[in-house]
Amino acid sequence: MAKKKIEVKGLKITFDRINDLDYVSLTDIAKQSPQRASLLIRSWLKNSSTLLFLETWEKLNNPNFKGDQMDAFKISSMENRNIITPKQYIKSTDAIGLVSTPGRYGGTLAHKDIALNFCYWLSPVFQVYMIRKFQELMQEEFSRKNLQWHISKITDNIDEVRNLLDTIPGQLPELNRLNYATEEE
């Protein structure tokens, strides 16, 4: 899936699928604030509750996570002069929940679970709208997959009926696919 944009409370937010997981742009979410997005994300990363959430999420979802590196980040979060950047965090811990890309069109993406945590930290009201949008997207996906499943079942049933009709004795030879197969050979 290529990058996709959704709108939540008038804010366009990028979604991307990376390694079969859904990621959301924290940079786009942070644009609701007058502060620079990168500063907001760094402030969020310094929060001890955020670090505990990230550590727990990574332990559950990432077998290569270097959890022992989290102690340094937790200590660093207690000192106001230290800055934790997404790149530092990702590089030190082999995290998969955050993705940071440099450049003009770069930014920080987070797994959807982590993005909701960021929303809650930034604006609980915005988080409610984001959850509602996620639910709408999930419903659309379910409906699409459900329709595909039903079409598949109907096609299977049609094939079964055709096969059953082919076995009826005494029908016209031109209507029987089995007779056609034997005549052509």
N, C-alpha and C. Protein backbone atom coordinates (compact mmCIF):
# COMPACT_ATOMS: atom_id res chain seq x y z
N MET A 1 0.84 -1.18 0.00
CA MET A 1 0.00 0.00 0.00
C MET A 1 0.88 1.23 0.00
N ALA A 2 0.62 2.13 -0.89
CA ALA A 2 1.35 3.39 -0.93
C ALA A 2 0.85 4.28 0.20
N LYS A 3 1.57 5.36 0.41
CA LYS A 3 1.14 6.30 1.44
C LYS A 3 -0.27 6.77 1.13
N LYS A 4 -1.02 6.92 2.18
CA LYS A 4 -2.42 7.32 2.06
C LYS A 4 -2.65 8.45 3.05
N LYS A 5 -3.45 9.42 2.66
CA LYS A 5 -3.76 10.53 3.57
C LYS A 5 -5.21 10.44 4.00
N ILE A 6 -5.44 10.69 5.26
CA ILE A 6 -6.79 10.78 5.78
C ILE A 6 -6.93 12.15 6.43
N GLU A 7 -8.16 12.55 6.65
CA GLU A 7 -8.39 13.83 7.29
C GLU A 7 -9.08 13.61 8.63
N VAL A 8 -8.48 14.20 9.67
CA VAL A 8 -9.03 14.13 11.02
C VAL A 8 -9.11 15.55 11.55
N LYS A 9 -10.31 16.01 11.81
CA LYS A 9 -10.54 17.38 12.30
C LYS A 9 -9.84 18.42 11.42
N GLY A 10 -9.92 18.25 10.12
CA GLY A 10 -9.35 19.21 9.18
C GLY A 10 -7.84 19.08 8.98
N LEU A 11 -7.22 18.10 9.61
CA LEU A 11 -5.77 17.90 9.51
C LEU A 11 -5.50 16.67 8.64
N LYS A 12 -4.68 16.84 7.60
CA LYS A 12 -4.34 15.71 6.73
C LYS A 12 -3.18 14.94 7.37
N ILE A 13 -3.42 13.63 7.55
CA ILE A 13 -2.44 12.77 8.23
C ILE A 13 -2.07 11.62 7.31
N THR A 14 -0.78 11.38 7.18
CA THR A 14 -0.26 10.34 6.31
C THR A 14 -0.27 9.00 7.04
N PHE A 15 -0.76 7.98 6.32
CA PHE A 15 -0.69 6.58 6.76
C PHE A 15 0.20 5.85 5.78
N ASP A 16 0.97 4.91 6.28
CA ASP A 16 1.82 4.11 5.40
C ASP A 16 1.84 2.69 5.94
N ARG A 17 2.04 1.75 5.06
CA ARG A 17 2.14 0.34 5.45
C ARG A 17 3.60 -0.06 5.30
N ILE A 18 4.23 -0.44 6.41
CA ILE A 18 5.64 -0.81 6.43
C ILE A 18 5.75 -2.18 7.08
N ASN A 19 6.34 -3.13 6.37
CA ASN A 19 6.48 -4.50 6.89
C ASN A 19 5.15 -5.06 7.40
N ASP A 20 4.10 -4.86 6.63
CA ASP A 20 2.75 -5.35 6.95
C ASP A 20 2.16 -4.74 8.23
N LEU A 21 2.66 -3.60 8.65
CA LEU A 21 2.12 -2.90 9.81
C LEU A 21 1.70 -1.49 9.39
N ASP A 22 0.66 -0.97 10.03
CA ASP A 22 0.17 0.37 9.72
C ASP A 22 0.90 1.40 10.56
N TYR A 23 1.45 2.41 9.88
CA TYR A 23 2.17 3.50 10.54
C TYR A 23 1.48 4.82 10.24
N VAL A 24 1.54 5.73 11.20
CA VAL A 24 0.89 7.03 11.11
C VAL A 24 1.94 8.10 11.33
N SER A 25 1.83 9.20 10.61
CA SER A 25 2.80 10.28 10.73
C SER A 25 2.58 11.09 12.01
N LEU A 26 3.52 11.00 12.93
CA LEU A 26 3.47 11.84 14.13
C LEU A 26 3.73 13.28 13.75
N THR A 27 4.54 13.48 12.74
CA THR A 27 4.86 14.83 12.26
C THR A 27 3.57 15.53 11.82
N ASP A 28 2.72 14.83 11.08
CA ASP A 28 1.46 15.41 10.64
C ASP A 28 0.53 15.68 11.82
N ILE A 29 0.45 14.75 12.75
CA ILE A 29 -0.41 14.92 13.92
C ILE A 29 0.03 16.14 14.73
N ALA A 30 1.35 16.33 14.85
CA ALA A 30 1.89 17.44 15.64
C ALA A 30 1.60 18.80 15.02
N LYS A 31 1.22 18.83 13.75
CA LYS A 31 0.95 20.11 13.08
C LYS A 31 -0.27 20.82 13.65
N GLN A 32 -1.04 20.16 14.49
CA GLN A 32 -2.18 20.83 15.11
C GLN A 32 -1.74 21.83 16.17
N SER A 33 -0.49 21.75 16.57
CA SER A 33 0.06 22.64 17.58
C SER A 33 0.91 23.73 16.92
N PRO A 34 0.98 24.90 17.52
CA PRO A 34 1.82 25.95 16.95
C PRO A 34 3.33 25.66 17.09
N GLN A 35 3.68 24.75 17.99
CA GLN A 35 5.08 24.38 18.19
C GLN A 35 5.59 23.54 17.02
N ARG A 36 6.91 23.57 16.77
CA ARG A 36 7.50 22.73 15.72
C ARG A 36 7.27 21.26 16.04
N ALA A 37 6.94 20.51 15.02
CA ALA A 37 6.62 19.08 15.18
C ALA A 37 7.78 18.33 15.82
N SER A 38 8.99 18.58 15.36
CA SER A 38 10.14 17.85 15.88
C SER A 38 10.33 18.11 17.38
N LEU A 39 10.08 19.33 17.83
CA LEU A 39 10.20 19.64 19.26
C LEU A 39 9.13 18.93 20.08
N LEU A 40 7.92 18.88 19.54
CA LEU A 40 6.85 18.17 20.24
C LEU A 40 7.16 16.68 20.37
N ILE A 41 7.64 16.09 19.30
CA ILE A 41 7.95 14.65 19.33
C ILE A 41 9.08 14.38 20.32
N ARG A 42 10.08 15.25 20.35
CA ARG A 42 11.17 15.08 21.33
C ARG A 42 10.66 15.21 22.76
N SER A 43 9.78 16.18 22.98
CA SER A 43 9.21 16.35 24.33
C SER A 43 8.41 15.11 24.73
N TRP A 44 7.65 14.58 23.80
CA TRP A 44 6.88 13.36 24.07
C TRP A 44 7.81 12.20 24.41
N LEU A 45 8.93 12.09 23.67
CA LEU A 45 9.88 11.00 23.91
C LEU A 45 10.57 11.13 25.26
N LYS A 46 10.67 12.33 25.81
CA LYS A 46 11.30 12.52 27.12
C LYS A 46 10.39 12.13 28.27
N ASN A 47 9.12 12.01 28.00
CA ASN A 47 8.14 11.71 29.03
C ASN A 47 8.35 10.28 29.54
N SER A 48 8.42 10.11 30.84
CA SER A 48 8.68 8.78 31.40
C SER A 48 7.55 7.80 31.10
N SER A 49 6.31 8.28 31.06
CA SER A 49 5.19 7.40 30.71
C SER A 49 5.30 6.94 29.26
N THR A 50 5.74 7.84 28.40
CA THR A 50 5.94 7.48 26.99
C THR A 50 6.99 6.40 26.86
N LEU A 51 8.10 6.57 27.56
CA LEU A 51 9.19 5.58 27.50
C LEU A 51 8.73 4.22 28.02
N LEU A 52 7.94 4.22 29.07
CA LEU A 52 7.41 2.96 29.59
C LEU A 52 6.47 2.31 28.58
N PHE A 53 5.62 3.13 27.95
CA PHE A 53 4.71 2.62 26.92
C PHE A 53 5.51 2.03 25.75
N LEU A 54 6.49 2.78 25.25
CA LEU A 54 7.30 2.31 24.12
C LEU A 54 8.05 1.03 24.47
N GLU A 55 8.61 0.98 25.66
CA GLU A 55 9.34 -0.22 26.09
C GLU A 55 8.41 -1.44 26.12
N THR A 56 7.24 -1.27 26.68
CA THR A 56 6.28 -2.38 26.75
C THR A 56 5.84 -2.81 25.36
N TRP A 57 5.52 -1.82 24.50
CA TRP A 57 5.07 -2.13 23.14
C TRP A 57 6.15 -2.89 22.38
N GLU A 58 7.37 -2.42 22.46
CA GLU A 58 8.48 -3.06 21.74
C GLU A 58 8.74 -4.47 22.27
N LYS A 59 8.68 -4.66 23.57
CA LYS A 59 8.89 -6.00 24.13
C LYS A 59 7.84 -6.98 23.62
N LEU A 60 6.61 -6.51 23.44
CA LEU A 60 5.54 -7.37 22.95
C LEU A 60 5.61 -7.63 21.45
N ASN A 61 6.17 -6.69 20.69
CA ASN A 61 6.10 -6.76 19.23
C ASN A 61 7.43 -6.92 18.51
N ASN A 62 8.53 -6.81 19.23
CA ASN A 62 9.83 -6.79 18.59
C ASN A 62 10.81 -7.73 19.31
N PRO A 63 11.06 -8.90 18.74
CA PRO A 63 11.98 -9.84 19.40
C PRO A 63 13.43 -9.34 19.44
N ASN A 64 13.77 -8.37 18.59
CA ASN A 64 15.15 -7.85 18.55
C ASN A 64 15.33 -6.58 19.38
N PHE A 65 14.33 -6.21 20.14
CA PHE A 65 14.37 -4.98 20.92
C PHE A 65 15.45 -5.08 22.01
N LYS A 66 16.26 -4.04 22.10
CA LYS A 66 17.32 -3.98 23.12
C LYS A 66 16.78 -3.22 24.33
N GLY A 67 16.04 -3.93 25.15
CA GLY A 67 15.38 -3.32 26.30
C GLY A 67 16.35 -2.77 27.34
N ASP A 68 17.54 -3.34 27.40
CA ASP A 68 18.52 -2.86 28.39
C ASP A 68 18.95 -1.42 28.09
N GLN A 69 18.79 -0.98 26.86
CA GLN A 69 19.15 0.39 26.49
C GLN A 69 18.13 1.41 27.02
N MET A 70 16.96 0.95 27.39
CA MET A 70 15.90 1.85 27.87
C MET A 70 16.27 2.54 29.17
N ASP A 71 17.10 1.89 29.99
CA ASP A 71 17.49 2.51 31.26
C ASP A 71 18.17 3.85 31.02
N ALA A 72 19.05 3.91 30.02
CA ALA A 72 19.73 5.17 29.72
C ALA A 72 18.73 6.25 29.31
N PHE A 73 17.72 5.87 28.54
CA PHE A 73 16.71 6.85 28.13
C PHE A 73 15.86 7.29 29.32
N LYS A 74 15.56 6.38 30.21
CA LYS A 74 14.77 6.74 31.39
C LYS A 74 15.54 7.71 32.28
N ILE A 75 16.82 7.46 32.46
CA ILE A 75 17.66 8.37 33.26
C ILE A 75 17.75 9.72 32.55
N SER A 76 17.95 9.69 31.24
CA SER A 76 18.05 10.91 30.45
C SER A 76 16.77 11.73 30.52
N SER A 77 15.63 11.05 30.59
CA SER A 77 14.35 11.78 30.63
C SER A 77 14.18 12.59 31.91
N MET A 78 14.90 12.21 32.97
CA MET A 78 14.80 12.94 34.23
C MET A 78 15.60 14.24 34.22
N GLU A 79 16.52 14.35 33.28
CA GLU A 79 17.34 15.56 33.20
C GLU A 79 16.77 16.47 32.11
N ASN A 80 16.42 17.68 32.48
CA ASN A 80 15.78 18.59 31.54
C ASN A 80 16.66 19.00 30.37
N ARG A 81 17.96 18.95 30.52
CA ARG A 81 18.83 19.43 29.44
C ARG A 81 19.09 18.37 28.36
N ASN A 82 18.76 17.13 28.63
CA ASN A 82 18.98 16.07 27.64
C ASN A 82 17.83 15.99 26.66
N ILE A 83 18.18 15.69 25.43
CA ILE A 83 17.18 15.56 24.36
C ILE A 83 17.22 14.13 23.85
N ILE A 84 16.03 13.56 23.66
CA ILE A 84 15.92 12.23 23.06
C ILE A 84 15.25 12.42 21.70
N THR A 85 15.95 12.03 20.65
CA THR A 85 15.38 12.14 19.31
C THR A 85 14.88 10.76 18.88
N PRO A 86 13.94 10.74 17.96
CA PRO A 86 13.48 9.44 17.46
C PRO A 86 14.62 8.60 16.88
N LYS A 87 15.52 9.24 16.15
CA LYS A 87 16.65 8.49 15.56
C LYS A 87 17.53 7.86 16.62
N GLN A 88 17.82 8.60 17.69
CA GLN A 88 18.63 8.05 18.77
C GLN A 88 17.94 6.83 19.39
N TYR A 89 16.66 7.00 19.65
CA TYR A 89 15.89 5.92 20.27
C TYR A 89 15.87 4.69 19.38
N ILE A 90 15.59 4.88 18.10
CA ILE A 90 15.51 3.75 17.16
C ILE A 90 16.86 3.05 17.04
N LYS A 91 17.91 3.84 16.88
CA LYS A 91 19.25 3.27 16.68
C LYS A 91 19.72 2.51 17.93
N SER A 92 19.49 3.08 19.10
CA SER A 92 19.98 2.46 20.34
C SER A 92 19.22 1.19 20.72
N THR A 93 17.94 1.15 20.41
CA THR A 93 17.12 0.04 20.89
C THR A 93 16.68 -0.94 19.81
N ASP A 94 17.00 -0.65 18.56
CA ASP A 94 16.49 -1.44 17.41
C ASP A 94 14.97 -1.46 17.40
N ALA A 95 14.38 -0.34 17.74
CA ALA A 95 12.92 -0.23 17.80
C ALA A 95 12.30 -0.34 16.40
N ILE A 96 11.12 -0.93 16.35
CA ILE A 96 10.37 -1.01 15.09
C ILE A 96 9.08 -0.20 15.15
N GLY A 97 8.74 0.31 16.31
CA GLY A 97 7.50 1.05 16.48
C GLY A 97 7.56 2.46 15.94
N LEU A 98 8.77 3.00 15.79
CA LEU A 98 8.97 4.33 15.23
C LEU A 98 9.85 4.22 14.00
N VAL A 99 9.58 5.08 13.03
CA VAL A 99 10.40 5.17 11.82
C VAL A 99 10.67 6.65 11.60
N SER A 100 11.93 7.00 11.43
CA SER A 100 12.29 8.40 11.24
C SER A 100 13.05 8.55 9.94
N THR A 101 12.57 9.45 9.09
CA THR A 101 13.25 9.70 7.82
C THR A 101 13.65 11.17 7.74
N PRO A 102 14.89 11.42 7.32
CA PRO A 102 15.36 12.81 7.25
C PRO A 102 14.90 13.50 5.96
N GLY A 103 15.11 14.78 5.91
CA GLY A 103 14.86 15.51 4.68
C GLY A 103 13.59 16.32 4.69
N ARG A 104 13.42 17.02 3.60
CA ARG A 104 12.29 17.93 3.48
C ARG A 104 10.94 17.22 3.59
N TYR A 105 10.83 16.05 2.99
CA TYR A 105 9.57 15.31 3.04
C TYR A 105 9.63 14.16 4.03
N GLY A 106 10.59 14.20 4.91
CA GLY A 106 10.74 13.16 5.92
C GLY A 106 9.85 13.45 7.11
N GLY A 107 10.10 12.75 8.18
CA GLY A 107 9.33 12.94 9.40
C GLY A 107 9.38 11.69 10.24
N THR A 108 8.57 11.66 11.26
CA THR A 108 8.52 10.52 12.16
C THR A 108 7.17 9.83 12.01
N LEU A 109 7.24 8.55 11.71
CA LEU A 109 6.05 7.70 11.64
C LEU A 109 6.06 6.79 12.86
N ALA A 110 4.87 6.42 13.30
CA ALA A 110 4.76 5.50 14.44
C ALA A 110 3.68 4.46 14.14
N HIS A 111 3.89 3.26 14.67
CA HIS A 111 2.84 2.25 14.58
C HIS A 111 1.56 2.87 15.13
N LYS A 112 0.43 2.44 14.62
CA LYS A 112 -0.85 3.07 14.98
C LYS A 112 -1.10 3.07 16.49
N ASP A 113 -0.66 2.02 17.21
CA ASP A 113 -0.83 1.99 18.66
C ASP A 113 -0.05 3.13 19.32
N ILE A 114 1.16 3.31 18.85
CA ILE A 114 2.04 4.35 19.40
C ILE A 114 1.53 5.73 19.00
N ALA A 115 1.01 5.85 17.79
CA ALA A 115 0.45 7.13 17.34
C ALA A 115 -0.72 7.55 18.23
N LEU A 116 -1.54 6.60 18.65
CA LEU A 116 -2.65 6.93 19.55
C LEU A 116 -2.13 7.40 20.91
N ASN A 117 -1.04 6.81 21.37
CA ASN A 117 -0.43 7.26 22.62
C ASN A 117 0.06 8.70 22.47
N PHE A 118 0.66 9.01 21.33
CA PHE A 118 1.12 10.37 21.05
C PHE A 118 -0.08 11.33 21.03
N CYS A 119 -1.16 10.91 20.39
CA CYS A 119 -2.38 11.74 20.34
C CYS A 119 -2.88 12.05 21.75
N TYR A 120 -2.89 11.02 22.59
CA TYR A 120 -3.37 11.22 23.96
C TYR A 120 -2.50 12.22 24.69
N TRP A 121 -1.18 12.12 24.52
CA TRP A 121 -0.26 13.04 25.18
C TRP A 121 -0.45 14.45 24.65
N LEU A 122 -0.64 14.57 23.35
CA LEU A 122 -0.75 15.88 22.72
C LEU A 122 -2.13 16.50 22.94
N SER A 123 -3.19 15.71 22.71
CA SER A 123 -4.55 16.22 22.81
C SER A 123 -5.53 15.06 22.94
N PRO A 124 -6.01 14.79 24.14
CA PRO A 124 -6.98 13.70 24.31
C PRO A 124 -8.22 13.86 23.43
N VAL A 125 -8.64 15.10 23.19
CA VAL A 125 -9.79 15.34 22.32
C VAL A 125 -9.48 14.86 20.90
N PHE A 126 -8.29 15.21 20.41
CA PHE A 126 -7.90 14.79 19.07
C PHE A 126 -7.80 13.26 19.00
N GLN A 127 -7.36 12.64 20.09
CA GLN A 127 -7.26 11.19 20.13
C GLN A 127 -8.62 10.54 19.90
N VAL A 128 -9.66 11.11 20.48
CA VAL A 128 -11.01 10.56 20.29
C VAL A 128 -11.39 10.59 18.81
N TYR A 129 -11.10 11.69 18.14
CA TYR A 129 -11.40 11.80 16.70
C TYR A 129 -10.56 10.81 15.90
N MET A 130 -9.32 10.64 16.30
CA MET A 130 -8.43 9.70 15.60
C MET A 130 -8.93 8.26 15.78
N ILE A 131 -9.36 7.91 16.96
CA ILE A 131 -9.90 6.57 17.21
C ILE A 131 -11.12 6.34 16.33
N ARG A 132 -11.98 7.34 16.25
CA ARG A 132 -13.18 7.22 15.41
C ARG A 132 -12.79 7.00 13.95
N LYS A 133 -11.77 7.72 13.47
CA LYS A 133 -11.32 7.56 12.08
C LYS A 133 -10.74 6.16 11.87
N PHE A 134 -9.96 5.67 12.82
CA PHE A 134 -9.43 4.31 12.74
C PHE A 134 -10.56 3.29 12.63
N GLN A 135 -11.60 3.48 13.44
CA GLN A 135 -12.72 2.55 13.42
C GLN A 135 -13.43 2.57 12.07
N GLU A 136 -13.57 3.77 11.48
CA GLU A 136 -14.18 3.88 10.15
C GLU A 136 -13.33 3.13 9.12
N LEU A 137 -12.01 3.32 9.18
CA LEU A 137 -11.12 2.64 8.23
C LEU A 137 -11.19 1.12 8.40
N MET A 138 -11.24 0.66 9.64
CA MET A 138 -11.34 -0.78 9.89
C MET A 138 -12.65 -1.32 9.36
N GLN A 139 -13.74 -0.58 9.53
CA GLN A 139 -15.05 -1.01 9.03
C GLN A 139 -15.04 -1.11 7.51
N GLU A 140 -14.43 -0.10 6.85
CA GLU A 140 -14.32 -0.13 5.39
C GLU A 140 -13.53 -1.36 4.93
N GLU A 141 -12.43 -1.63 5.60
CA GLU A 141 -11.58 -2.78 5.26
C GLU A 141 -12.36 -4.09 5.47
N PHE A 142 -13.08 -4.17 6.59
CA PHE A 142 -13.88 -5.37 6.87
C PHE A 142 -14.94 -5.56 5.80
N SER A 143 -15.62 -4.48 5.42
CA SER A 143 -16.67 -4.57 4.40
C SER A 143 -16.10 -5.03 3.07
N ARG A 144 -14.94 -4.49 2.71
CA ARG A 144 -14.30 -4.87 1.45
C ARG A 144 -13.91 -6.35 1.47
N LYS A 145 -13.30 -6.79 2.56
CA LYS A 145 -12.90 -8.20 2.66
C LYS A 145 -14.12 -9.11 2.74
N ASN A 146 -15.15 -8.67 3.42
CA ASN A 146 -16.37 -9.45 3.54
C ASN A 146 -17.02 -9.62 2.17
N LEU A 147 -17.05 -8.55 1.37
CA LEU A 147 -17.61 -8.62 0.03
C LEU A 147 -16.81 -9.60 -0.83
N GLN A 148 -15.48 -9.53 -0.74
CA GLN A 148 -14.63 -10.45 -1.50
C GLN A 148 -14.91 -11.90 -1.09
N TRP A 149 -15.10 -12.13 0.20
CA TRP A 149 -15.38 -13.49 0.68
C TRP A 149 -16.71 -13.98 0.13
N HIS A 150 -17.73 -13.13 0.15
CA HIS A 150 -19.04 -13.53 -0.37
C HIS A 150 -18.99 -13.81 -1.86
N ILE A 151 -18.29 -12.99 -2.61
CA ILE A 151 -18.15 -13.23 -4.05
C ILE A 151 -17.45 -14.56 -4.30
N SER A 152 -16.43 -14.84 -3.52
CA SER A 152 -15.72 -16.12 -3.65
C SER A 152 -16.65 -17.29 -3.36
N LYS A 153 -17.48 -17.18 -2.33
CA LYS A 153 -18.41 -18.26 -1.99
C LYS A 153 -19.46 -18.45 -3.10
N ILE A 154 -19.97 -17.37 -3.64
CA ILE A 154 -20.95 -17.46 -4.73
C ILE A 154 -20.33 -18.15 -5.94
N THR A 155 -19.11 -17.76 -6.28
CA THR A 155 -18.41 -18.38 -7.40
C THR A 155 -18.20 -19.87 -7.16
N ASP A 156 -17.82 -20.23 -5.94
CA ASP A 156 -17.66 -21.65 -5.60
C ASP A 156 -18.97 -22.40 -5.75
N ASN A 157 -20.06 -21.80 -5.29
CA ASN A 157 -21.38 -22.44 -5.40
C ASN A 157 -21.81 -22.61 -6.85
N ILE A 158 -21.55 -21.61 -7.68
CA ILE A 158 -21.88 -21.71 -9.10
C ILE A 158 -21.11 -22.87 -9.73
N ASP A 159 -19.83 -22.98 -9.43
CA ASP A 159 -19.02 -24.08 -9.96
C ASP A 159 -19.56 -25.44 -9.50
N GLU A 160 -19.97 -25.52 -8.24
CA GLU A 160 -20.53 -26.79 -7.74
C GLU A 160 -21.82 -27.15 -8.47
N VAL A 161 -22.69 -26.15 -8.70
CA VAL A 161 -23.94 -26.41 -9.42
C VAL A 161 -23.65 -26.84 -10.85
N ARG A 162 -22.71 -26.20 -11.51
CA ARG A 162 -22.33 -26.60 -12.87
C ARG A 162 -21.84 -28.05 -12.90
N ASN A 163 -21.01 -28.39 -11.94
CA ASN A 163 -20.50 -29.76 -11.88
C ASN A 163 -21.62 -30.76 -11.63
N LEU A 164 -22.56 -30.37 -10.77
CA LEU A 164 -23.71 -31.24 -10.50
C LEU A 164 -24.56 -31.41 -11.76
N LEU A 165 -24.83 -30.32 -12.47
CA LEU A 165 -25.62 -30.39 -13.69
C LEU A 165 -24.95 -31.25 -14.75
N ASP A 166 -23.63 -31.22 -14.80
CA ASP A 166 -22.90 -32.02 -15.77
C ASP A 166 -23.08 -33.52 -15.54
N THR A 167 -23.45 -33.91 -14.34
CA THR A 167 -23.59 -35.34 -14.03
C THR A 167 -25.01 -35.86 -14.24
N ILE A 168 -25.93 -35.00 -14.61
CA ILE A 168 -27.32 -35.43 -14.81
C ILE A 168 -27.41 -36.23 -16.11
N PRO A 169 -27.91 -37.47 -16.04
CA PRO A 169 -28.01 -38.28 -17.26
C PRO A 169 -29.17 -37.80 -18.14
N GLY A 170 -29.03 -37.98 -19.44
CA GLY A 170 -30.09 -37.70 -20.38
C GLY A 170 -30.21 -36.26 -20.81
N GLN A 171 -29.28 -35.41 -20.44
CA GLN A 171 -29.38 -34.03 -20.88
C GLN A 171 -28.79 -33.87 -22.27
N LEU A 172 -29.09 -32.75 -22.88
CA LEU A 172 -28.58 -32.49 -24.22
C LEU A 172 -27.05 -32.46 -24.18
N PRO A 173 -26.40 -33.12 -25.14
CA PRO A 173 -24.93 -33.18 -25.13
C PRO A 173 -24.28 -31.81 -25.18
N GLU A 174 -24.88 -30.85 -25.89
CA GLU A 174 -24.25 -29.53 -25.98
C GLU A 174 -24.31 -28.75 -24.65
N LEU A 175 -25.17 -29.17 -23.73
CA LEU A 175 -25.27 -28.54 -22.42
C LEU A 175 -24.35 -29.21 -21.39
N ASN A 176 -23.82 -30.35 -21.71
CA ASN A 176 -23.00 -31.10 -20.78
C ASN A 176 -21.53 -30.82 -21.05
N ARG A 177 -20.87 -30.16 -20.14
CA ARG A 177 -19.45 -29.84 -20.30
C ARG A 177 -18.59 -31.10 -20.29
N LEU A 178 -19.04 -32.13 -19.57
CA LEU A 178 -18.26 -33.37 -19.51
C LEU A 178 -18.21 -34.04 -20.88
N ASN A 179 -19.34 -34.05 -21.62
CA ASN A 179 -19.37 -34.62 -22.96
C ASN A 179 -18.47 -33.84 -23.92
N TYR A 180 -18.47 -32.52 -23.77
CA TYR A 180 -17.60 -31.71 -24.62
C TYR A 180 -16.13 -32.09 -24.40
N ALA A 181 -15.79 -32.30 -23.13
CA ALA A 181 -14.40 -32.66 -22.84
C ALA A 181 -14.02 -33.97 -23.47
N THR A 182 -14.94 -34.94 -23.49
CA THR A 182 -14.61 -36.25 -24.08
C THR A 182 -14.62 -36.19 -25.59
N GLU A 183 -15.52 -35.39 -26.20
CA GLU A 183 -15.57 -35.29 -27.65
C GLU A 183 -14.36 -34.58 -28.22
N GLU A 184 -13.84 -33.56 -27.51
CA GLU A 184 -12.70 -32.79 -28.01
C GLU A 184 -11.42 -33.58 -27.95
N GLU A 185 -11.33 -34.53 -27.06
CA GLU A 185 -10.08 -35.28 -26.88
C GLU A 185 -9.90 -36.37 -27.86
